[in-house]
Amino acid sequence: MPMLETAPGIMIHYTVDDFTDPWMPSPTVLFIHGLAESGEAFRAFVPALSRHARVVRMDLRGYGRSPAMPANHPWRFDALVEDVAVLIGTLGVPKVHLVGGKIGGTIALAVAARHPDLVDRLAVLGAPASLREMAGVTPGWRAQIARDGVLSWVRSTNGGRMGGAMTPDQLEWWAQLMGRTAPSTLEGFLQMVPSVDLRDEVPRIAAPTLVVTTTGSGLGSVETVKAWQERISGSQLAVVESDSYHVAASDADHVAHKVKDFLLAC
């Protein structure tokens, strides 16, 4: 179980899936998950990519098999970005392809803007460049989690997150995955979320970039996404017909193959 200390006292877990031919050169693809998830959020992407690339899925600090954070942990978005940079530095390659979903995609945007030497290609899935508008939502989420627990909160909010096409079994799998997140991790993390705004940073991204969104995303209209996506020189926008904003979950197979084709086009 690979664990890495990215900062004093901060340990993160990551998994590696590699079914490439050992005698052939292959890229490394690093996945960054979203709120209340873990690297398991990208399990459907592993079969699509691991025959062609070394697939690394990290658990952000406080999530998955990374140790939970106390409620008073001083969350800083910049520190999450640096956790990713430190992990890339240990993988034994000069650059990685970077893929992020939801706020994991926001983190990926920041890594590409601030550490262009570490990112070869970038894919951002259902992610906003700014989370300022979440300021009206996160206090209620924190109160609900404190009152009812994480699993209850996930179940009550998954309709907007996952859209209307998922089966009850799919929704319950995601609820169980997300419900394992420690309440203490979410308490601090959700206080940090509305402070994040990368709209002025995205023009610094030099890596070829694919942005995937949906027609009915609750995190921002297609026009909102397009406004910042077009500020990334040469970037591509793919729009999926869906009422989900977690497109990497609701349309996993379709998006996984789209990401594979984009990352391996070079």
C-alpha atoms as a PDB file:
ATOM      1  CA  MET A   1       0.000   0.000   0.000  1.00  0.00           C
ATOM      2  CA  PRO A   2       2.072   2.984  -1.206  1.00  0.00           C
ATOM      3  CA  MET A   3       2.028   5.920   1.208  1.00  0.00           C
ATOM      4  CA  LEU A   4       3.891   9.181   0.763  1.00  0.00           C
ATOM      5  CA  GLU A   5       4.622  12.033   3.161  1.00  0.00           C
ATOM      6  CA  THR A   6       3.951  15.182   1.151  1.00  0.00           C
ATOM      7  CA  ALA A   7       4.400  17.642   4.027  1.00  0.00           C
ATOM      8  CA  PRO A   8       5.338  17.276   7.699  1.00  0.00           C
ATOM      9  CA  GLY A   9       2.765  14.934   9.235  1.00  0.00           C
ATOM     10  CA  ILE A  10       0.729  14.638   6.011  1.00  0.00           C
ATOM     11  CA  MET A  11       0.537  11.171   4.489  1.00  0.00           C
ATOM     12  CA  ILE A  12      -1.287  10.342   1.279  1.00  0.00           C
ATOM     13  CA  HIS A  13      -2.123   6.958  -0.197  1.00  0.00           C
ATOM     14  CA  TYR A  14      -1.979   6.101  -3.881  1.00  0.00           C
ATOM     15  CA  THR A  15      -2.428   3.026  -6.064  1.00  0.00           C
ATOM     16  CA  VAL A  16      -0.646   2.073  -9.281  1.00  0.00           C
ATOM     17  CA  ASP A  17      -2.149  -0.096 -12.030  1.00  0.00           C
ATOM     18  CA  ASP A  18       0.232  -0.943 -14.852  1.00  0.00           C
ATOM     19  CA  PHE A  19      -0.523  -3.579 -17.479  1.00  0.00           C
ATOM     20  CA  THR A  20       1.653  -2.085 -20.196  1.00  0.00           C
ATOM     21  CA  ASP A  21       4.280  -4.095 -22.067  1.00  0.00           C
ATOM     22  CA  PRO A  22       7.474  -3.760 -19.986  1.00  0.00           C
ATOM     23  CA  TRP A  23       9.626  -3.456 -23.109  1.00  0.00           C
ATOM     24  CA  MET A  24       7.615  -0.534 -24.475  1.00  0.00           C
ATOM     25  CA  PRO A  25       7.743   3.098 -23.290  1.00  0.00           C
ATOM     26  CA  SER A  26       4.470   4.233 -21.760  1.00  0.00           C
ATOM     27  CA  PRO A  27       3.176   7.423 -20.128  1.00  0.00           C
ATOM     28  CA  THR A  28       2.019   7.852 -16.545  1.00  0.00           C
ATOM     29  CA  VAL A  29      -1.521   9.116 -15.911  1.00  0.00           C
ATOM     30  CA  LEU A  30      -2.328  10.580 -12.490  1.00  0.00           C
ATOM     31  CA  PHE A  31      -5.966  10.842 -11.389  1.00  0.00           C
ATOM     32  CA  ILE A  32      -7.236  13.322  -8.772  1.00  0.00           C
ATOM     33  CA  HIS A  33     -10.671  12.651  -7.285  1.00  0.00           C
ATOM     34  CA  GLY A  34     -13.333  15.043  -6.058  1.00  0.00           C
ATOM     35  CA  LEU A  35     -15.074  15.939  -2.801  1.00  0.00           C
ATOM     36  CA  ALA A  36     -15.822  13.060  -0.405  1.00  0.00           C
ATOM     37  CA  GLU A  37     -14.255  10.466  -2.706  1.00  0.00           C
ATOM     38  CA  SER A  38     -10.994   8.576  -3.184  1.00  0.00           C
ATOM     39  CA  GLY A  39      -8.998   7.141  -6.054  1.00  0.00           C
ATOM     40  CA  GLU A  40     -11.705   4.466  -6.296  1.00  0.00           C
ATOM     41  CA  ALA A  41     -13.855   7.091  -8.023  1.00  0.00           C
ATOM     42  CA  PHE A  42     -11.844   6.335 -11.184  1.00  0.00           C
ATOM     43  CA  ARG A  43     -12.000   2.533 -11.059  1.00  0.00           C
ATOM     44  CA  ALA A  44     -13.898   2.423 -14.385  1.00  0.00           C
ATOM     45  CA  PHE A  45     -11.019   4.292 -16.044  1.00  0.00           C
ATOM     46  CA  VAL A  46      -8.409   1.667 -15.134  1.00  0.00           C
ATOM     47  CA  PRO A  47      -9.408  -0.970 -17.743  1.00  0.00           C
ATOM     48  CA  ALA A  48      -9.530   1.673 -20.469  1.00  0.00           C
ATOM     49  CA  LEU A  49      -6.069   3.067 -19.749  1.00  0.00           C
ATOM     50  CA  SER A  50      -3.862   0.643 -17.838  1.00  0.00           C
ATOM     51  CA  ARG A  51      -2.933  -1.445 -20.900  1.00  0.00           C
ATOM     52  CA  HIS A  52      -1.518   1.712 -22.490  1.00  0.00           C
ATOM     53  CA  ALA A  53      -0.275   3.743 -19.497  1.00  0.00           C
ATOM     54  CA  ARG A  54       0.786   3.431 -15.886  1.00  0.00           C
ATOM     55  CA  VAL A  55      -2.330   4.553 -14.003  1.00  0.00           C
ATOM     56  CA  VAL A  56      -1.830   6.244 -10.630  1.00  0.00           C
ATOM     57  CA  ARG A  57      -4.841   7.104  -8.467  1.00  0.00           C
ATOM     58  CA  MET A  58      -4.177   9.231  -5.416  1.00  0.00           C
ATOM     59  CA  ASP A  59      -6.258   9.709  -2.288  1.00  0.00           C
ATOM     60  CA  LEU A  60      -6.121  13.394  -1.382  1.00  0.00           C
ATOM     61  CA  ARG A  61      -5.071  14.188   2.174  1.00  0.00           C
ATOM     62  CA  GLY A  62      -7.887  13.200   4.516  1.00  0.00           C
ATOM     63  CA  TYR A  63      -9.677  10.988   1.983  1.00  0.00           C
ATOM     64  CA  GLY A  64      -9.809   7.288   1.142  1.00  0.00           C
ATOM     65  CA  ARG A  65      -6.899   5.416   2.704  1.00  0.00           C
ATOM     66  CA  SER A  66      -5.040   8.633   3.468  1.00  0.00           C
ATOM     67  CA  PRO A  67      -5.405   9.418   7.195  1.00  0.00           C
ATOM     68  CA  ALA A  68      -8.446  11.507   8.087  1.00  0.00           C
ATOM     69  CA  MET A  69      -7.832  15.152   8.916  1.00  0.00           C
ATOM     70  CA  PRO A  70      -9.008  16.682  12.212  1.00  0.00           C
ATOM     71  CA  ALA A  71     -11.819  19.227  11.988  1.00  0.00           C
ATOM     72  CA  ASN A  72      -9.381  22.039  12.805  1.00  0.00           C
ATOM     73  CA  HIS A  73      -6.866  21.099  10.099  1.00  0.00           C
ATOM     74  CA  PRO A  74      -5.739  24.338   8.386  1.00  0.00           C
ATOM     75  CA  TRP A  75      -6.913  23.495   4.887  1.00  0.00           C
ATOM     76  CA  ARG A  76      -5.254  25.478   2.104  1.00  0.00           C
ATOM     77  CA  PHE A  77      -5.930  24.896  -1.574  1.00  0.00           C
ATOM     78  CA  ASP A  78      -2.281  25.677  -2.312  1.00  0.00           C
ATOM     79  CA  ALA A  79      -1.234  22.789  -0.064  1.00  0.00           C
ATOM     80  CA  LEU A  80      -3.411  20.352  -2.026  1.00  0.00           C
ATOM     81  CA  VAL A  81      -1.745  21.512  -5.226  1.00  0.00           C
ATOM     82  CA  GLU A  82       1.684  20.962  -3.697  1.00  0.00           C
ATOM     83  CA  ASP A  83       0.686  17.466  -2.507  1.00  0.00           C
ATOM     84  CA  VAL A  84       0.137  16.571  -6.163  1.00  0.00           C
ATOM     85  CA  ALA A  85       3.431  18.134  -7.226  1.00  0.00           C
ATOM     86  CA  VAL A  86       5.319  16.179  -4.559  1.00  0.00           C
ATOM     87  CA  LEU A  87       3.664  12.930  -5.633  1.00  0.00           C
ATOM     88  CA  ILE A  88       4.565  13.525  -9.277  1.00  0.00           C
ATOM     89  CA  GLY A  89       8.144  14.089  -8.193  1.00  0.00           C
ATOM     90  CA  THR A  90       8.303  10.593  -6.693  1.00  0.00           C
ATOM     91  CA  LEU A  91       6.906   8.706  -9.691  1.00  0.00           C
ATOM     92  CA  GLY A  92      10.170   8.554 -11.585  1.00  0.00           C
ATOM     93  CA  VAL A  93       9.017  10.400 -14.703  1.00  0.00           C
ATOM     94  CA  PRO A  94       9.607  14.017 -15.742  1.00  0.00           C
ATOM     95  CA  LYS A  95       5.943  14.644 -16.591  1.00  0.00           C
ATOM     96  CA  VAL A  96       2.553  13.009 -16.189  1.00  0.00           C
ATOM     97  CA  HIS A  97      -0.778  13.209 -17.906  1.00  0.00           C
ATOM     98  CA  LEU A  98      -3.105  14.694 -15.293  1.00  0.00           C
ATOM     99  CA  VAL A  99      -6.825  13.904 -14.971  1.00  0.00           C
ATOM    100  CA  GLY A 100      -9.138  15.420 -12.370  1.00  0.00           C
ATOM    101  CA  GLY A 101     -12.841  15.199 -11.595  1.00  0.00           C
ATOM    102  CA  LYS A 102     -14.926  17.874  -9.844  1.00  0.00           C
ATOM    103  CA  ILE A 103     -12.654  19.744  -7.389  1.00  0.00           C
ATOM    104  CA  GLY A 104      -9.935  17.261  -8.340  1.00  0.00           C
ATOM    105  CA  GLY A 105     -10.112  18.846 -11.774  1.00  0.00           C
ATOM    106  CA  THR A 106      -9.814  22.274 -10.198  1.00  0.00           C
ATOM    107  CA  ILE A 107      -6.678  21.089  -8.423  1.00  0.00           C
ATOM    108  CA  ALA A 108      -5.385  19.687 -11.724  1.00  0.00           C
ATOM    109  CA  LEU A 109      -5.893  23.082 -13.390  1.00  0.00           C
ATOM    110  CA  ALA A 110      -3.810  24.706 -10.670  1.00  0.00           C
ATOM    111  CA  VAL A 111      -1.032  22.114 -10.940  1.00  0.00           C
ATOM    112  CA  ALA A 112      -0.844  22.647 -14.709  1.00  0.00           C
ATOM    113  CA  ALA A 113      -0.805  26.450 -14.307  1.00  0.00           C
ATOM    114  CA  ARG A 114       1.763  26.555 -11.498  1.00  0.00           C
ATOM    115  CA  HIS A 115       3.942  23.564 -12.437  1.00  0.00           C
ATOM    116  CA  PRO A 116       3.915  23.423 -16.251  1.00  0.00           C
ATOM    117  CA  ASP A 117       7.093  21.359 -16.218  1.00  0.00           C
ATOM    118  CA  LEU A 118       5.223  18.491 -14.515  1.00  0.00           C
ATOM    119  CA  VAL A 119       2.187  18.163 -16.797  1.00  0.00           C
ATOM    120  CA  ASP A 120       2.238  16.708 -20.308  1.00  0.00           C
ATOM    121  CA  ARG A 121      -1.503  16.627 -21.057  1.00  0.00           C
ATOM    122  CA  LEU A 122      -4.470  17.657 -18.920  1.00  0.00           C
ATOM    123  CA  ALA A 123      -8.063  16.380 -18.773  1.00  0.00           C
ATOM    124  CA  VAL A 124     -10.599  18.156 -16.557  1.00  0.00           C
ATOM    125  CA  LEU A 125     -13.914  16.371 -15.971  1.00  0.00           C
ATOM    126  CA  GLY A 126     -16.930  18.206 -14.592  1.00  0.00           C
ATOM    127  CA  ALA A 127     -14.738  20.691 -12.758  1.00  0.00           C
ATOM    128  CA  PRO A 128     -15.284  24.398 -12.141  1.00  0.00           C
ATOM    129  CA  ALA A 129     -12.472  26.947 -12.371  1.00  0.00           C
ATOM    130  CA  SER A 130     -14.131  28.899  -9.549  1.00  0.00           C
ATOM    131  CA  LEU A 131     -15.946  27.615  -6.482  1.00  0.00           C
ATOM    132  CA  ARG A 132     -16.936  31.034  -5.129  1.00  0.00           C
ATOM    133  CA  GLU A 133     -20.642  30.324  -5.635  1.00  0.00           C
ATOM    134  CA  MET A 134     -20.403  27.374  -3.240  1.00  0.00           C
ATOM    135  CA  ALA A 135     -20.336  29.862  -0.352  1.00  0.00           C
ATOM    136  CA  GLY A 136     -24.125  29.689  -0.259  1.00  0.00           C
ATOM    137  CA  VAL A 137     -24.188  25.887  -0.175  1.00  0.00           C
ATOM    138  CA  THR A 138     -21.354  24.620   2.026  1.00  0.00           C
ATOM    139  CA  PRO A 139     -22.636  25.939   5.400  1.00  0.00           C
ATOM    140  CA  GLY A 140     -25.828  23.920   4.960  1.00  0.00           C
ATOM    141  CA  TRP A 141     -23.848  20.848   3.947  1.00  0.00           C
ATOM    142  CA  ARG A 142     -21.635  21.170   7.024  1.00  0.00           C
ATOM    143  CA  ALA A 143     -24.676  21.484   9.289  1.00  0.00           C
ATOM    144  CA  GLN A 144     -26.334  18.476   7.667  1.00  0.00           C
ATOM    145  CA  ILE A 145     -23.193  16.339   8.003  1.00  0.00           C
ATOM    146  CA  ALA A 146     -22.827  17.305  11.664  1.00  0.00           C
ATOM    147  CA  ARG A 147     -26.476  16.502  12.327  1.00  0.00           C
ATOM    148  CA  ASP A 148     -27.120  13.416  10.182  1.00  0.00           C
ATOM    149  CA  GLY A 149     -23.718  12.043   9.158  1.00  0.00           C
ATOM    150  CA  VAL A 150     -21.846  11.827   5.881  1.00  0.00           C
ATOM    151  CA  LEU A 151     -23.786   8.919   4.362  1.00  0.00           C
ATOM    152  CA  SER A 152     -27.131  10.642   4.864  1.00  0.00           C
ATOM    153  CA  TRP A 153     -25.766  13.843   3.319  1.00  0.00           C
ATOM    154  CA  VAL A 154     -24.438  11.971   0.286  1.00  0.00           C
ATOM    155  CA  ARG A 155     -27.716  10.155  -0.291  1.00  0.00           C
ATOM    156  CA  SER A 156     -29.713  13.381  -0.062  1.00  0.00           C
ATOM    157  CA  THR A 157     -27.456  15.264  -2.505  1.00  0.00           C
ATOM    158  CA  ASN A 158     -26.589  12.521  -4.993  1.00  0.00           C
ATOM    159  CA  GLY A 159     -29.492  13.301  -7.291  1.00  0.00           C
ATOM    160  CA  GLY A 160     -27.976  16.603  -8.343  1.00  0.00           C
ATOM    161  CA  ARG A 161     -24.453  15.223  -8.328  1.00  0.00           C
ATOM    162  CA  MET A 162     -25.070  12.059 -10.352  1.00  0.00           C
ATOM    163  CA  GLY A 163     -28.122  13.029 -12.410  1.00  0.00           C
ATOM    164  CA  GLY A 164     -31.210  11.003 -13.138  1.00  0.00           C
ATOM    165  CA  ALA A 165     -29.841   8.139 -15.253  1.00  0.00           C
ATOM    166  CA  MET A 166     -28.071   6.092 -12.581  1.00  0.00           C
ATOM    167  CA  THR A 167     -29.699   2.940 -11.222  1.00  0.00           C
ATOM    168  CA  PRO A 168     -30.417   2.612  -7.480  1.00  0.00           C
ATOM    169  CA  ASP A 169     -27.531   0.136  -7.191  1.00  0.00           C
ATOM    170  CA  GLN A 170     -25.129   2.600  -8.826  1.00  0.00           C
ATOM    171  CA  LEU A 171     -26.254   5.419  -6.573  1.00  0.00           C
ATOM    172  CA  GLU A 172     -25.857   3.232  -3.492  1.00  0.00           C
ATOM    173  CA  TRP A 173     -22.322   2.192  -4.523  1.00  0.00           C
ATOM    174  CA  TRP A 174     -21.328   5.835  -4.809  1.00  0.00           C
ATOM    175  CA  ALA A 175     -23.100   6.672  -1.556  1.00  0.00           C
ATOM    176  CA  GLN A 176     -21.142   3.978   0.282  1.00  0.00           C
ATOM    177  CA  LEU A 177     -17.854   5.119  -1.297  1.00  0.00           C
ATOM    178  CA  MET A 178     -18.396   8.765  -0.401  1.00  0.00           C
ATOM    179  CA  GLY A 179     -20.017   7.973   2.938  1.00  0.00           C
ATOM    180  CA  ARG A 180     -16.766   6.516   4.236  1.00  0.00           C
ATOM    181  CA  THR A 181     -15.206   9.996   4.318  1.00  0.00           C
ATOM    182  CA  ALA A 182     -14.530  11.219   7.846  1.00  0.00           C
ATOM    183  CA  PRO A 183     -16.842  14.047   8.971  1.00  0.00           C
ATOM    184  CA  SER A 184     -13.822  15.840  10.408  1.00  0.00           C
ATOM    185  CA  THR A 185     -12.159  15.929   6.977  1.00  0.00           C
ATOM    186  CA  LEU A 186     -15.251  17.414   5.366  1.00  0.00           C
ATOM    187  CA  GLU A 187     -15.789  19.991   8.106  1.00  0.00           C
ATOM    188  CA  GLY A 188     -12.530  21.768   7.339  1.00  0.00           C
ATOM    189  CA  PHE A 189     -12.438  21.030   3.626  1.00  0.00           C
ATOM    190  CA  LEU A 190     -15.874  22.524   3.004  1.00  0.00           C
ATOM    191  CA  GLN A 191     -14.853  25.721   4.759  1.00  0.00           C
ATOM    192  CA  MET A 192     -11.967  26.061   2.292  1.00  0.00           C
ATOM    193  CA  VAL A 193     -13.930  25.272  -0.877  1.00  0.00           C
ATOM    194  CA  PRO A 194     -15.545  28.691  -1.551  1.00  0.00           C
ATOM    195  CA  SER A 195     -12.139  30.407  -1.429  1.00  0.00           C
ATOM    196  CA  VAL A 196     -10.987  28.709  -4.649  1.00  0.00           C
ATOM    197  CA  ASP A 197     -10.956  30.745  -7.867  1.00  0.00           C
ATOM    198  CA  LEU A 198      -8.551  29.931 -10.714  1.00  0.00           C
ATOM    199  CA  ARG A 199     -10.102  31.984 -13.502  1.00  0.00           C
ATOM    200  CA  ASP A 200      -7.127  34.339 -13.589  1.00  0.00           C
ATOM    201  CA  GLU A 201      -4.639  31.437 -13.584  1.00  0.00           C
ATOM    202  CA  VAL A 202      -5.959  29.231 -16.374  1.00  0.00           C
ATOM    203  CA  PRO A 203      -4.369  31.297 -19.184  1.00  0.00           C
ATOM    204  CA  ARG A 204      -0.990  30.157 -17.850  1.00  0.00           C
ATOM    205  CA  ILE A 205      -1.748  26.532 -18.707  1.00  0.00           C
ATOM    206  CA  ALA A 206       0.479  25.400 -21.560  1.00  0.00           C
ATOM    207  CA  ALA A 207      -0.378  21.689 -21.640  1.00  0.00           C
ATOM    208  CA  PRO A 208      -2.819  20.424 -24.265  1.00  0.00           C
ATOM    209  CA  THR A 209      -6.106  20.399 -22.361  1.00  0.00           C
ATOM    210  CA  LEU A 210      -9.447  18.614 -22.642  1.00  0.00           C
ATOM    211  CA  VAL A 211     -12.358  20.016 -20.635  1.00  0.00           C
ATOM    212  CA  VAL A 212     -15.449  17.808 -20.313  1.00  0.00           C
ATOM    213  CA  THR A 213     -18.751  19.162 -19.007  1.00  0.00           C
ATOM    214  CA  THR A 214     -22.448  18.363 -19.288  1.00  0.00           C
ATOM    215  CA  THR A 215     -25.474  20.154 -20.649  1.00  0.00           C
ATOM    216  CA  GLY A 216     -27.164  20.219 -17.240  1.00  0.00           C
ATOM    217  CA  SER A 217     -24.273  20.601 -14.803  1.00  0.00           C
ATOM    218  CA  GLY A 218     -25.214  22.107 -11.455  1.00  0.00           C
ATOM    219  CA  LEU A 219     -21.674  23.472 -11.145  1.00  0.00           C
ATOM    220  CA  GLY A 220     -21.994  25.824 -14.112  1.00  0.00           C
ATOM    221  CA  SER A 221     -23.610  26.143 -17.507  1.00  0.00           C
ATOM    222  CA  VAL A 222     -21.823  25.208 -20.712  1.00  0.00           C
ATOM    223  CA  GLU A 223     -21.394  28.929 -21.342  1.00  0.00           C
ATOM    224  CA  THR A 224     -19.777  29.419 -17.918  1.00  0.00           C
ATOM    225  CA  VAL A 225     -17.328  26.586 -18.544  1.00  0.00           C
ATOM    226  CA  LYS A 226     -16.599  27.753 -22.066  1.00  0.00           C
ATOM    227  CA  ALA A 227     -15.740  31.247 -20.777  1.00  0.00           C
ATOM    228  CA  TRP A 228     -12.711  29.955 -18.841  1.00  0.00           C
ATOM    229  CA  GLN A 229     -11.918  26.974 -21.073  1.00  0.00           C
ATOM    230  CA  GLU A 230     -11.345  29.278 -24.047  1.00  0.00           C
ATOM    231  CA  ARG A 231      -8.694  31.135 -22.036  1.00  0.00           C
ATOM    232  CA  ILE A 232      -6.535  27.974 -22.160  1.00  0.00           C
ATOM    233  CA  SER A 233      -4.707  28.208 -25.462  1.00  0.00           C
ATOM    234  CA  GLY A 234      -5.542  25.352 -27.833  1.00  0.00           C
ATOM    235  CA  SER A 235      -7.832  23.595 -25.367  1.00  0.00           C
ATOM    236  CA  GLN A 236     -10.780  21.413 -26.372  1.00  0.00           C
ATOM    237  CA  LEU A 237     -14.287  21.398 -24.906  1.00  0.00           C
ATOM    238  CA  ALA A 238     -16.411  18.245 -24.958  1.00  0.00           C
ATOM    239  CA  VAL A 239     -20.053  18.521 -23.873  1.00  0.00           C
ATOM    240  CA  VAL A 240     -21.934  15.395 -22.751  1.00  0.00           C
ATOM    241  CA  GLU A 241     -25.738  15.345 -22.811  1.00  0.00           C
ATOM    242  CA  SER A 242     -26.498  14.721 -19.125  1.00  0.00           C
ATOM    243  CA  ASP A 243     -28.081  16.276 -16.047  1.00  0.00           C
ATOM    244  CA  SER A 244     -25.144  15.103 -13.914  1.00  0.00           C
ATOM    245  CA  TYR A 245     -22.237  17.318 -12.905  1.00  0.00           C
ATOM    246  CA  HIS A 246     -20.096  14.309 -11.951  1.00  0.00           C
ATOM    247  CA  VAL A 247     -19.594  13.221 -15.541  1.00  0.00           C
ATOM    248  CA  ALA A 248     -16.709  10.873 -14.676  1.00  0.00           C
ATOM    249  CA  ALA A 249     -19.230   8.843 -12.651  1.00  0.00           C
ATOM    250  CA  SER A 250     -22.469   9.182 -14.595  1.00  0.00           C
ATOM    251  CA  ASP A 251     -20.855   8.600 -18.014  1.00  0.00           C
ATOM    252  CA  ALA A 252     -17.730   6.722 -16.943  1.00  0.00           C
ATOM    253  CA  ASP A 253     -17.172   4.416 -19.927  1.00  0.00           C
ATOM    254  CA  HIS A 254     -17.845   7.111 -22.519  1.00  0.00           C
ATOM    255  CA  VAL A 255     -15.614   9.650 -20.780  1.00  0.00           C
ATOM    256  CA  ALA A 256     -12.860   7.125 -20.020  1.00  0.00           C
ATOM    257  CA  HIS A 257     -12.455   6.315 -23.711  1.00  0.00           C
ATOM    258  CA  LYS A 258     -12.615   9.986 -24.644  1.00  0.00           C
ATOM    259  CA  VAL A 259      -9.850  10.697 -22.118  1.00  0.00           C
ATOM    260  CA  LYS A 260      -7.782   7.746 -23.364  1.00  0.00           C
ATOM    261  CA  ASP A 261      -7.989   8.910 -26.963  1.00  0.00           C
ATOM    262  CA  PHE A 262      -7.012  12.453 -25.961  1.00  0.00           C
ATOM    263  CA  LEU A 263      -4.108  11.506 -23.686  1.00  0.00           C
ATOM    264  CA  LEU A 264      -2.631   8.925 -26.025  1.00  0.00           C
ATOM    265  CA  ALA A 265      -3.032  10.957 -29.222  1.00  0.00           C
ATOM    266  CA  CYS A 266       0.592  12.098 -29.115  1.00  0.00           C
END
